[in-house]
């Protein structure tokens, strides 16, 4: 490294301290002493000839120069991390995928065998999880999510499919071929409390229901619907088998609720053939499911 540049170690120490705004927490992350962090910061400031931190009331704050250097360091660390990931990637490395629990259990897992037949060289490690995901430090390559939350602005995002929802129930709840929702128990889920309100908004129907029951997870409300306990709001992708075999009916047509399923990645999909293959397969399979459930409408 040219003599006029500070050491990479000093830059790394600064980046961690700037991120935490704490020398103590920086020392904990780097597994060094508080004094070692303080010395590295002081040497870096002397090397650059500027103050990077302002120290007030036993707390530290970034100066204007510190803020500028932090932005540069963040970009460099991000590029370095991406480069190292690419070096470590190989065809025999598993693709680690995080997926929302209900879609994982009711849609993705039953189809993984098809993916393996198409790509026998690719191994998928699946984790069931929803909401926020750390793709930079959590050792996860891809995350399949519904776009109902905010994610890191630096993630690469690919649309997989529009969400399609409709009320579903067992055939016995229909009277003369019609479903009277106001005479039924409406099954709600704590993990998707907006499901019924969203359907009412897009369908134009105001529904109160005779009673209601709330379940912790989406798949529990669907299981309750299969048991005849009421009417659940379902995603088309989660009830394909039940609709096909007649266990559940969707008296009202499935419709888009304004959200999408997306695939999140810390790296561009086109830079990793594994990610691109999984994305294209997902898009195709979601489309096949939507066609099957909606009859191509």
C-alpha atoms as a PDB file:
ATOM      1  CA  UNK A   1       0.000   0.000   0.000  1.00  0.00           C
ATOM      2  CA  UNK A   2       1.360   3.497  -0.847  1.00  0.00           C
ATOM      3  CA  UNK A   3       2.864   5.266   2.161  1.00  0.00           C
ATOM      4  CA  UNK A   4       0.500   8.231   1.882  1.00  0.00           C
ATOM      5  CA  UNK A   5      -2.529   6.025   2.607  1.00  0.00           C
ATOM      6  CA  UNK A   6      -3.507   4.961   6.142  1.00  0.00           C
ATOM      7  CA  UNK A   7      -3.553   1.285   7.034  1.00  0.00           C
ATOM      8  CA  UNK A   8      -6.559  -0.833   6.171  1.00  0.00           C
ATOM      9  CA  UNK A   9      -6.780  -1.858   9.810  1.00  0.00           C
ATOM     10  CA  UNK A  10      -7.174   1.757  10.891  1.00  0.00           C
ATOM     11  CA  UNK A  11      -9.860   2.280   8.253  1.00  0.00           C
ATOM     12  CA  UNK A  12     -11.690  -0.819   9.465  1.00  0.00           C
ATOM     13  CA  UNK A  13     -11.536   0.355  13.099  1.00  0.00           C
ATOM     14  CA  UNK A  14     -12.870   3.767  12.076  1.00  0.00           C
ATOM     15  CA  UNK A  15     -15.724   2.223  10.054  1.00  0.00           C
ATOM     16  CA  UNK A  16     -16.896   0.147  13.026  1.00  0.00           C
ATOM     17  CA  UNK A  17     -16.573   3.040  15.490  1.00  0.00           C
ATOM     18  CA  UNK A  18     -18.431   5.374  13.123  1.00  0.00           C
ATOM     19  CA  UNK A  19     -21.223   2.842  12.638  1.00  0.00           C
ATOM     20  CA  UNK A  20     -21.735   2.401  16.376  1.00  0.00           C
ATOM     21  CA  UNK A  21     -20.749   5.920  17.454  1.00  0.00           C
ATOM     22  CA  UNK A  22     -19.116   4.145  20.354  1.00  0.00           C
ATOM     23  CA  UNK A  23     -15.510   3.117  20.948  1.00  0.00           C
ATOM     24  CA  UNK A  24     -16.647   0.540  23.502  1.00  0.00           C
ATOM     25  CA  UNK A  25     -19.036  -1.198  21.098  1.00  0.00           C
ATOM     26  CA  UNK A  26     -16.430  -1.015  18.340  1.00  0.00           C
ATOM     27  CA  UNK A  27     -13.946  -2.764  20.627  1.00  0.00           C
ATOM     28  CA  UNK A  28     -16.508  -5.471  21.384  1.00  0.00           C
ATOM     29  CA  UNK A  29     -17.193  -6.125  17.694  1.00  0.00           C
ATOM     30  CA  UNK A  30     -13.500  -6.168  16.794  1.00  0.00           C
ATOM     31  CA  UNK A  31     -12.527  -8.212  19.892  1.00  0.00           C
ATOM     32  CA  UNK A  32      -9.866  -5.715  20.963  1.00  0.00           C
ATOM     33  CA  UNK A  33      -9.518  -3.339  23.888  1.00  0.00           C
ATOM     34  CA  UNK A  34     -11.068   0.101  24.095  1.00  0.00           C
ATOM     35  CA  UNK A  35      -7.559   1.532  24.210  1.00  0.00           C
ATOM     36  CA  UNK A  36      -6.570  -0.194  20.978  1.00  0.00           C
ATOM     37  CA  UNK A  37      -9.550   1.329  19.180  1.00  0.00           C
ATOM     38  CA  UNK A  38      -8.777   4.761  20.584  1.00  0.00           C
ATOM     39  CA  UNK A  39      -5.124   4.542  19.451  1.00  0.00           C
ATOM     40  CA  UNK A  40      -6.083   3.485  15.928  1.00  0.00           C
ATOM     41  CA  UNK A  41      -8.528   6.393  15.624  1.00  0.00           C
ATOM     42  CA  UNK A  42      -5.923   8.865  16.926  1.00  0.00           C
ATOM     43  CA  UNK A  43      -3.280   7.577  14.508  1.00  0.00           C
ATOM     44  CA  UNK A  44      -5.749   7.802  11.626  1.00  0.00           C
ATOM     45  CA  UNK A  45      -6.630  11.394  12.519  1.00  0.00           C
ATOM     46  CA  UNK A  46      -2.922  12.282  12.701  1.00  0.00           C
ATOM     47  CA  UNK A  47      -2.281  10.605   9.347  1.00  0.00           C
ATOM     48  CA  UNK A  48      -5.138  12.485   7.666  1.00  0.00           C
ATOM     49  CA  UNK A  49      -4.583  15.749   9.515  1.00  0.00           C
ATOM     50  CA  UNK A  50      -8.267  16.112  10.446  1.00  0.00           C
ATOM     51  CA  UNK A  51     -10.480  15.292  13.392  1.00  0.00           C
ATOM     52  CA  UNK A  52     -12.938  12.524  12.612  1.00  0.00           C
ATOM     53  CA  UNK A  53     -14.818  12.495  15.905  1.00  0.00           C
ATOM     54  CA  UNK A  54     -15.996  15.208  18.227  1.00  0.00           C
ATOM     55  CA  UNK A  55     -15.997  14.110  21.841  1.00  0.00           C
ATOM     56  CA  UNK A  56     -18.695  15.624  24.074  1.00  0.00           C
ATOM     57  CA  UNK A  57     -20.029  14.485  27.449  1.00  0.00           C
ATOM     58  CA  UNK A  58     -18.350  11.079  27.233  1.00  0.00           C
ATOM     59  CA  UNK A  59     -19.973  10.484  23.833  1.00  0.00           C
ATOM     60  CA  UNK A  60     -18.543  10.709  20.323  1.00  0.00           C
ATOM     61  CA  UNK A  61     -20.019  12.312  17.221  1.00  0.00           C
ATOM     62  CA  UNK A  62     -18.785  12.363  13.649  1.00  0.00           C
ATOM     63  CA  UNK A  63     -17.352  15.607  12.365  1.00  0.00           C
ATOM     64  CA  UNK A  64     -18.008  16.746   8.806  1.00  0.00           C
ATOM     65  CA  UNK A  65     -14.771  15.033   7.748  1.00  0.00           C
ATOM     66  CA  UNK A  66     -15.800  11.938   9.674  1.00  0.00           C
ATOM     67  CA  UNK A  67     -19.153  11.783   7.916  1.00  0.00           C
ATOM     68  CA  UNK A  68     -17.448  12.074   4.550  1.00  0.00           C
ATOM     69  CA  UNK A  69     -14.975   9.307   5.358  1.00  0.00           C
ATOM     70  CA  UNK A  70     -17.742   7.095   6.747  1.00  0.00           C
ATOM     71  CA  UNK A  71     -19.612   7.258   3.438  1.00  0.00           C
ATOM     72  CA  UNK A  72     -16.472   6.293   1.544  1.00  0.00           C
ATOM     73  CA  UNK A  73     -15.678   3.467   3.971  1.00  0.00           C
ATOM     74  CA  UNK A  74     -19.216   2.075   3.792  1.00  0.00           C
ATOM     75  CA  UNK A  75     -19.053   1.918  -0.009  1.00  0.00           C
ATOM     76  CA  UNK A  76     -15.604   0.312   0.046  1.00  0.00           C
ATOM     77  CA  UNK A  77     -16.597  -2.291   2.654  1.00  0.00           C
ATOM     78  CA  UNK A  78     -19.728  -3.131   0.685  1.00  0.00           C
ATOM     79  CA  UNK A  79     -17.741  -3.626  -2.523  1.00  0.00           C
ATOM     80  CA  UNK A  80     -15.087  -5.651  -0.708  1.00  0.00           C
ATOM     81  CA  UNK A  81     -17.697  -7.870   0.916  1.00  0.00           C
ATOM     82  CA  UNK A  82     -19.435  -8.471  -2.418  1.00  0.00           C
ATOM     83  CA  UNK A  83     -16.112  -9.302  -4.082  1.00  0.00           C
ATOM     84  CA  UNK A  84     -15.149 -11.750  -1.348  1.00  0.00           C
ATOM     85  CA  UNK A  85     -18.543 -13.425  -1.554  1.00  0.00           C
ATOM     86  CA  UNK A  86     -18.101 -13.955  -5.261  1.00  0.00           C
ATOM     87  CA  UNK A  87     -14.650 -15.451  -4.705  1.00  0.00           C
ATOM     88  CA  UNK A  88     -16.079 -17.871  -2.167  1.00  0.00           C
ATOM     89  CA  UNK A  89     -18.986 -18.904  -4.342  1.00  0.00           C
ATOM     90  CA  UNK A  90     -18.749 -22.171  -6.216  1.00  0.00           C
ATOM     91  CA  UNK A  91     -21.195 -24.453  -7.957  1.00  0.00           C
ATOM     92  CA  UNK A  92     -21.244 -26.840  -5.009  1.00  0.00           C
ATOM     93  CA  UNK A  93     -22.048 -24.096  -2.491  1.00  0.00           C
ATOM     94  CA  UNK A  94     -25.654 -24.304  -1.203  1.00  0.00           C
ATOM     95  CA  UNK A  95     -27.978 -21.443  -2.000  1.00  0.00           C
ATOM     96  CA  UNK A  96     -29.382 -20.264   1.320  1.00  0.00           C
ATOM     97  CA  UNK A  97     -32.971 -19.054   0.938  1.00  0.00           C
ATOM     98  CA  UNK A  98     -35.153 -17.416   3.576  1.00  0.00           C
ATOM     99  CA  UNK A  99     -38.890 -17.725   2.950  1.00  0.00           C
ATOM    100  CA  UNK A 100     -42.057 -16.677   4.769  1.00  0.00           C
ATOM    101  CA  UNK A 101     -43.239 -19.704   6.792  1.00  0.00           C
ATOM    102  CA  UNK A 102     -46.679 -20.248   5.226  1.00  0.00           C
ATOM    103  CA  UNK A 103     -45.514 -19.935   1.622  1.00  0.00           C
ATOM    104  CA  UNK A 104     -42.532 -22.155   2.473  1.00  0.00           C
ATOM    105  CA  UNK A 105     -44.674 -24.939   3.923  1.00  0.00           C
ATOM    106  CA  UNK A 106     -47.648 -24.800   1.588  1.00  0.00           C
ATOM    107  CA  UNK A 107     -46.011 -23.834  -1.715  1.00  0.00           C
ATOM    108  CA  UNK A 108     -42.213 -23.858  -1.913  1.00  0.00           C
ATOM    109  CA  UNK A 109     -41.261 -27.087  -0.134  1.00  0.00           C
ATOM    110  CA  UNK A 110     -43.622 -29.289  -2.209  1.00  0.00           C
ATOM    111  CA  UNK A 111     -41.991 -27.902  -5.371  1.00  0.00           C
ATOM    112  CA  UNK A 112     -38.316 -28.029  -4.401  1.00  0.00           C
ATOM    113  CA  UNK A 113     -38.055 -31.513  -5.857  1.00  0.00           C
ATOM    114  CA  UNK A 114     -38.928 -30.075  -9.272  1.00  0.00           C
ATOM    115  CA  UNK A 115     -36.206 -27.463  -8.912  1.00  0.00           C
ATOM    116  CA  UNK A 116     -33.639 -30.096  -7.982  1.00  0.00           C
ATOM    117  CA  UNK A 117     -34.558 -32.127 -11.057  1.00  0.00           C
ATOM    118  CA  UNK A 118     -33.951 -29.080 -13.229  1.00  0.00           C
ATOM    119  CA  UNK A 119     -30.777 -28.071 -11.365  1.00  0.00           C
ATOM    120  CA  UNK A 120     -29.257 -31.174  -9.738  1.00  0.00           C
ATOM    121  CA  UNK A 121     -25.994 -29.287  -9.269  1.00  0.00           C
ATOM    122  CA  UNK A 122     -27.676 -26.750  -6.967  1.00  0.00           C
ATOM    123  CA  UNK A 123     -28.412 -27.415  -3.307  1.00  0.00           C
ATOM    124  CA  UNK A 124     -31.017 -25.277  -1.535  1.00  0.00           C
ATOM    125  CA  UNK A 125     -30.856 -24.600   2.201  1.00  0.00           C
ATOM    126  CA  UNK A 126     -34.247 -23.252   3.289  1.00  0.00           C
ATOM    127  CA  UNK A 127     -34.996 -21.144   6.364  1.00  0.00           C
ATOM    128  CA  UNK A 128     -38.569 -20.243   7.326  1.00  0.00           C
ATOM    129  CA  UNK A 129     -38.722 -16.608   8.402  1.00  0.00           C
ATOM    130  CA  UNK A 130     -40.655 -13.468   7.568  1.00  0.00           C
ATOM    131  CA  UNK A 131     -40.170  -9.719   7.638  1.00  0.00           C
ATOM    132  CA  UNK A 132     -36.775  -8.046   7.935  1.00  0.00           C
ATOM    133  CA  UNK A 133     -33.775 -10.047   6.784  1.00  0.00           C
ATOM    134  CA  UNK A 134     -30.032  -9.298   6.949  1.00  0.00           C
ATOM    135  CA  UNK A 135     -28.543 -10.386   3.629  1.00  0.00           C
ATOM    136  CA  UNK A 136     -25.179  -8.766   4.321  1.00  0.00           C
ATOM    137  CA  UNK A 137     -24.252 -10.382   7.626  1.00  0.00           C
ATOM    138  CA  UNK A 138     -26.837 -13.135   8.160  1.00  0.00           C
ATOM    139  CA  UNK A 139     -25.302 -15.737   5.814  1.00  0.00           C
ATOM    140  CA  UNK A 140     -28.500 -15.749   3.729  1.00  0.00           C
ATOM    141  CA  UNK A 141     -28.294 -15.431  -0.056  1.00  0.00           C
ATOM    142  CA  UNK A 142     -31.911 -14.805  -1.017  1.00  0.00           C
ATOM    143  CA  UNK A 143     -35.162 -13.910   0.731  1.00  0.00           C
ATOM    144  CA  UNK A 144     -38.640 -14.540  -0.668  1.00  0.00           C
ATOM    145  CA  UNK A 145     -40.972 -11.998   0.871  1.00  0.00           C
ATOM    146  CA  UNK A 146     -44.197 -10.100   0.343  1.00  0.00           C
ATOM    147  CA  UNK A 147     -43.372  -6.428  -0.164  1.00  0.00           C
ATOM    148  CA  UNK A 148     -45.222  -5.180   2.909  1.00  0.00           C
ATOM    149  CA  UNK A 149     -42.166  -3.908   4.798  1.00  0.00           C
ATOM    150  CA  UNK A 150     -39.091  -1.750   4.205  1.00  0.00           C
ATOM    151  CA  UNK A 151     -35.771  -3.428   3.395  1.00  0.00           C
ATOM    152  CA  UNK A 152     -32.193  -2.233   2.912  1.00  0.00           C
ATOM    153  CA  UNK A 153     -32.114   0.247   0.031  1.00  0.00           C
ATOM    154  CA  UNK A 154     -28.967  -1.452  -1.308  1.00  0.00           C
ATOM    155  CA  UNK A 155     -30.676  -4.827  -1.814  1.00  0.00           C
ATOM    156  CA  UNK A 156     -31.442  -5.984  -5.343  1.00  0.00           C
ATOM    157  CA  UNK A 157     -35.155  -6.698  -5.722  1.00  0.00           C
ATOM    158  CA  UNK A 158     -36.909  -8.797  -8.371  1.00  0.00           C
ATOM    159  CA  UNK A 159     -40.683  -9.107  -8.631  1.00  0.00           C
ATOM    160  CA  UNK A 160     -41.874 -12.701  -8.539  1.00  0.00           C
ATOM    161  CA  UNK A 161     -45.674 -12.440  -8.669  1.00  0.00           C
ATOM    162  CA  UNK A 162     -48.677 -10.352  -7.668  1.00  0.00           C
ATOM    163  CA  UNK A 163     -50.397 -11.509  -4.501  1.00  0.00           C
ATOM    164  CA  UNK A 164     -53.887 -12.890  -5.191  1.00  0.00           C
ATOM    165  CA  UNK A 165     -56.404 -13.295  -2.369  1.00  0.00           C
ATOM    166  CA  UNK A 166     -59.979 -14.470  -1.849  1.00  0.00           C
ATOM    167  CA  UNK A 167     -62.177 -15.906   0.929  1.00  0.00           C
ATOM    168  CA  UNK A 168     -62.084 -19.716   1.060  1.00  0.00           C
ATOM    169  CA  UNK A 169     -64.192 -22.262   2.920  1.00  0.00           C
ATOM    170  CA  UNK A 170     -65.365 -25.858   2.785  1.00  0.00           C
ATOM    171  CA  UNK A 171     -68.277 -26.583   0.383  1.00  0.00           C
ATOM    172  CA  UNK A 172     -70.720 -27.270   3.251  1.00  0.00           C
ATOM    173  CA  UNK A 173     -70.745 -23.580   4.210  1.00  0.00           C
ATOM    174  CA  UNK A 174     -72.358 -22.594   0.928  1.00  0.00           C
ATOM    175  CA  UNK A 175     -76.121 -22.254   0.789  1.00  0.00           C
ATOM    176  CA  UNK A 176     -77.698 -22.740  -2.616  1.00  0.00           C
ATOM    177  CA  UNK A 177     -74.278 -22.327  -4.154  1.00  0.00           C
ATOM    178  CA  UNK A 178     -73.611 -18.978  -2.489  1.00  0.00           C
ATOM    179  CA  UNK A 179     -71.468 -17.908   0.450  1.00  0.00           C
ATOM    180  CA  UNK A 180     -73.183 -15.492   2.828  1.00  0.00           C
ATOM    181  CA  UNK A 181     -70.145 -13.930   4.507  1.00  0.00           C
ATOM    182  CA  UNK A 182     -72.175 -11.959   7.049  1.00  0.00           C
ATOM    183  CA  UNK A 183     -73.539 -15.238   8.390  1.00  0.00           C
ATOM    184  CA  UNK A 184     -70.121 -16.865   8.805  1.00  0.00           C
ATOM    185  CA  UNK A 185     -67.262 -16.797  11.278  1.00  0.00           C
ATOM    186  CA  UNK A 186     -64.443 -14.845   9.657  1.00  0.00           C
ATOM    187  CA  UNK A 187     -61.002 -16.325  10.362  1.00  0.00           C
ATOM    188  CA  UNK A 188     -58.280 -13.720  10.869  1.00  0.00           C
ATOM    189  CA  UNK A 189     -54.527 -14.048  11.342  1.00  0.00           C
ATOM    190  CA  UNK A 190     -52.255 -11.976  13.554  1.00  0.00           C
ATOM    191  CA  UNK A 191     -49.365 -12.197  11.087  1.00  0.00           C
ATOM    192  CA  UNK A 192     -51.491 -10.665   8.283  1.00  0.00           C
ATOM    193  CA  UNK A 193     -54.125  -8.530  10.021  1.00  0.00           C
ATOM    194  CA  UNK A 194     -54.717  -6.525   6.843  1.00  0.00           C
ATOM    195  CA  UNK A 195     -55.899  -9.523   4.781  1.00  0.00           C
ATOM    196  CA  UNK A 196     -59.654  -9.058   5.203  1.00  0.00           C
ATOM    197  CA  UNK A 197     -59.585  -5.230   5.045  1.00  0.00           C
ATOM    198  CA  UNK A 198     -57.513  -5.386   1.862  1.00  0.00           C
ATOM    199  CA  UNK A 199     -59.939  -7.781   0.202  1.00  0.00           C
ATOM    200  CA  UNK A 200     -62.917  -5.640   1.186  1.00  0.00           C
ATOM    201  CA  UNK A 201     -61.173  -2.589  -0.234  1.00  0.00           C
ATOM    202  CA  UNK A 202     -60.443  -4.157  -3.617  1.00  0.00           C
ATOM    203  CA  UNK A 203     -63.684  -6.155  -3.873  1.00  0.00           C
ATOM    204  CA  UNK A 204     -65.913  -3.293  -2.806  1.00  0.00           C
ATOM    205  CA  UNK A 205     -67.711  -5.495  -0.275  1.00  0.00           C
ATOM    206  CA  UNK A 206     -68.341  -4.455   3.307  1.00  0.00           C
ATOM    207  CA  UNK A 207     -68.284  -7.611   5.437  1.00  0.00           C
ATOM    208  CA  UNK A 208     -68.764  -7.875   9.178  1.00  0.00           C
ATOM    209  CA  UNK A 209     -69.297 -11.601   9.634  1.00  0.00           C
ATOM    210  CA  UNK A 210     -71.420 -13.320  12.252  1.00  0.00           C
ATOM    211  CA  UNK A 211     -68.350 -13.777  14.463  1.00  0.00           C
ATOM    212  CA  UNK A 212     -64.581 -13.838  14.185  1.00  0.00           C
ATOM    213  CA  UNK A 213     -61.617 -15.918  15.332  1.00  0.00           C
ATOM    214  CA  UNK A 214     -57.959 -14.942  15.199  1.00  0.00           C
ATOM    215  CA  UNK A 215     -55.011 -17.294  14.709  1.00  0.00           C
ATOM    216  CA  UNK A 216     -51.341 -16.514  15.201  1.00  0.00           C
ATOM    217  CA  UNK A 217     -50.186 -17.548  11.725  1.00  0.00           C
ATOM    218  CA  UNK A 218     -51.717 -17.594   8.256  1.00  0.00           C
ATOM    219  CA  UNK A 219     -51.374 -21.352   7.867  1.00  0.00           C
ATOM    220  CA  UNK A 220     -53.338 -21.899  11.090  1.00  0.00           C
ATOM    221  CA  UNK A 221     -56.292 -19.904   9.782  1.00  0.00           C
ATOM    222  CA  UNK A 222     -56.187 -21.951   6.566  1.00  0.00           C
ATOM    223  CA  UNK A 223     -56.166 -25.162   8.595  1.00  0.00           C
ATOM    224  CA  UNK A 224     -59.164 -23.869  10.536  1.00  0.00           C
ATOM    225  CA  UNK A 225     -60.974 -23.224   7.250  1.00  0.00           C
ATOM    226  CA  UNK A 226     -60.247 -26.797   6.154  1.00  0.00           C
ATOM    227  CA  UNK A 227     -61.769 -27.989   9.446  1.00  0.00           C
ATOM    228  CA  UNK A 228     -64.970 -26.081   8.693  1.00  0.00           C
ATOM    229  CA  UNK A 229     -64.511 -23.511  11.475  1.00  0.00           C
ATOM    230  CA  UNK A 230     -65.217 -20.535   9.247  1.00  0.00           C
ATOM    231  CA  UNK A 231     -64.074 -18.561   6.212  1.00  0.00           C
ATOM    232  CA  UNK A 232     -60.402 -17.658   5.840  1.00  0.00           C
ATOM    233  CA  UNK A 233     -58.790 -15.070   3.625  1.00  0.00           C
ATOM    234  CA  UNK A 234     -56.303 -17.035   1.524  1.00  0.00           C
ATOM    235  CA  UNK A 235     -53.483 -16.408  -0.871  1.00  0.00           C
ATOM    236  CA  UNK A 236     -54.057 -18.290  -4.127  1.00  0.00           C
ATOM    237  CA  UNK A 237     -50.562 -19.738  -3.876  1.00  0.00           C
ATOM    238  CA  UNK A 238     -51.256 -21.296  -0.486  1.00  0.00           C
ATOM    239  CA  UNK A 239     -54.465 -23.171  -1.295  1.00  0.00           C
ATOM    240  CA  UNK A 240     -53.830 -24.569  -4.774  1.00  0.00           C
ATOM    241  CA  UNK A 241     -54.012 -28.211  -3.640  1.00  0.00           C
ATOM    242  CA  UNK A 242     -57.138 -27.693  -1.531  1.00  0.00           C
ATOM    243  CA  UNK A 243     -58.908 -25.864  -4.380  1.00  0.00           C
ATOM    244  CA  UNK A 244     -57.917 -28.542  -6.889  1.00  0.00           C
ATOM    245  CA  UNK A 245     -59.108 -31.464  -4.768  1.00  0.00           C
ATOM    246  CA  UNK A 246     -62.308 -29.705  -3.712  1.00  0.00           C
ATOM    247  CA  UNK A 247     -61.544 -29.511  -0.003  1.00  0.00           C
ATOM    248  CA  UNK A 248     -61.849 -25.717  -0.169  1.00  0.00           C
ATOM    249  CA  UNK A 249     -63.801 -23.464  -2.472  1.00  0.00           C
ATOM    250  CA  UNK A 250     -63.266 -19.828  -3.433  1.00  0.00           C
ATOM    251  CA  UNK A 251     -66.792 -18.556  -4.164  1.00  0.00           C
ATOM    252  CA  UNK A 252     -65.411 -15.100  -4.943  1.00  0.00           C
ATOM    253  CA  UNK A 253     -62.712 -14.723  -7.597  1.00  0.00           C
ATOM    254  CA  UNK A 254     -59.115 -14.319  -6.507  1.00  0.00           C
ATOM    255  CA  UNK A 255     -57.941 -10.744  -6.983  1.00  0.00           C
ATOM    256  CA  UNK A 256     -54.725  -8.767  -6.607  1.00  0.00           C
ATOM    257  CA  UNK A 257     -54.472  -7.013  -3.240  1.00  0.00           C
ATOM    258  CA  UNK A 258     -51.846  -4.493  -4.312  1.00  0.00           C
ATOM    259  CA  UNK A 259     -48.846  -6.353  -2.885  1.00  0.00           C
ATOM    260  CA  UNK A 260     -46.255  -8.531  -4.585  1.00  0.00           C
ATOM    261  CA  UNK A 261     -43.983 -11.412  -3.778  1.00  0.00           C
ATOM    262  CA  UNK A 262     -40.384 -10.349  -4.335  1.00  0.00           C
ATOM    263  CA  UNK A 263     -36.976 -11.973  -4.162  1.00  0.00           C
ATOM    264  CA  UNK A 264     -34.299  -9.996  -2.310  1.00  0.00           C
ATOM    265  CA  UNK A 265     -30.565 -10.351  -2.886  1.00  0.00           C
ATOM    266  CA  UNK A 266     -27.493  -8.463  -1.701  1.00  0.00           C
ATOM    267  CA  UNK A 267     -25.848  -9.093  -5.095  1.00  0.00           C
ATOM    268  CA  UNK A 268     -27.177  -8.521  -8.620  1.00  0.00           C
ATOM    269  CA  UNK A 269     -28.984 -11.645  -9.818  1.00  0.00           C
ATOM    270  CA  UNK A 270     -27.192 -11.617 -13.164  1.00  0.00           C
ATOM    271  CA  UNK A 271     -23.809 -11.854 -11.430  1.00  0.00           C
ATOM    272  CA  UNK A 272     -24.647 -15.245  -9.874  1.00  0.00           C
ATOM    273  CA  UNK A 273     -26.109 -17.988 -12.139  1.00  0.00           C
ATOM    274  CA  UNK A 274     -27.507 -19.772  -9.070  1.00  0.00           C
ATOM    275  CA  UNK A 275     -29.570 -16.780  -7.979  1.00  0.00           C
ATOM    276  CA  UNK A 276     -30.765 -16.114 -11.497  1.00  0.00           C
ATOM    277  CA  UNK A 277     -31.803 -19.748 -12.000  1.00  0.00           C
ATOM    278  CA  UNK A 278     -33.790 -19.756  -8.752  1.00  0.00           C
ATOM    279  CA  UNK A 279     -35.454 -16.418  -9.570  1.00  0.00           C
ATOM    280  CA  UNK A 280     -36.538 -17.514 -13.056  1.00  0.00           C
ATOM    281  CA  UNK A 281     -37.863 -20.813 -11.687  1.00  0.00           C
ATOM    282  CA  UNK A 282     -39.844 -19.006  -8.981  1.00  0.00           C
ATOM    283  CA  UNK A 283     -41.403 -16.620 -11.483  1.00  0.00           C
ATOM    284  CA  UNK A 284     -42.432 -19.494 -13.737  1.00  0.00           C
ATOM    285  CA  UNK A 285     -43.875 -21.637 -10.940  1.00  0.00           C
ATOM    286  CA  UNK A 286     -45.826 -18.757  -9.394  1.00  0.00           C
ATOM    287  CA  UNK A 287     -47.335 -18.059 -12.807  1.00  0.00           C
ATOM    288  CA  UNK A 288     -48.313 -21.725 -13.237  1.00  0.00           C
ATOM    289  CA  UNK A 289     -49.999 -21.695  -9.817  1.00  0.00           C
ATOM    290  CA  UNK A 290     -51.867 -18.465 -10.519  1.00  0.00           C
ATOM    291  CA  UNK A 291     -53.144 -19.873 -13.811  1.00  0.00           C
ATOM    292  CA  UNK A 292     -54.276 -23.103 -12.135  1.00  0.00           C
ATOM    293  CA  UNK A 293     -56.174 -21.394  -9.312  1.00  0.00           C
ATOM    294  CA  UNK A 294     -57.747 -18.549 -11.282  1.00  0.00           C
ATOM    295  CA  UNK A 295     -58.422 -20.506 -14.456  1.00  0.00           C
ATOM    296  CA  UNK A 296     -56.224 -18.166 -16.446  1.00  0.00           C
ATOM    297  CA  UNK A 297     -58.270 -15.071 -15.578  1.00  0.00           C
END
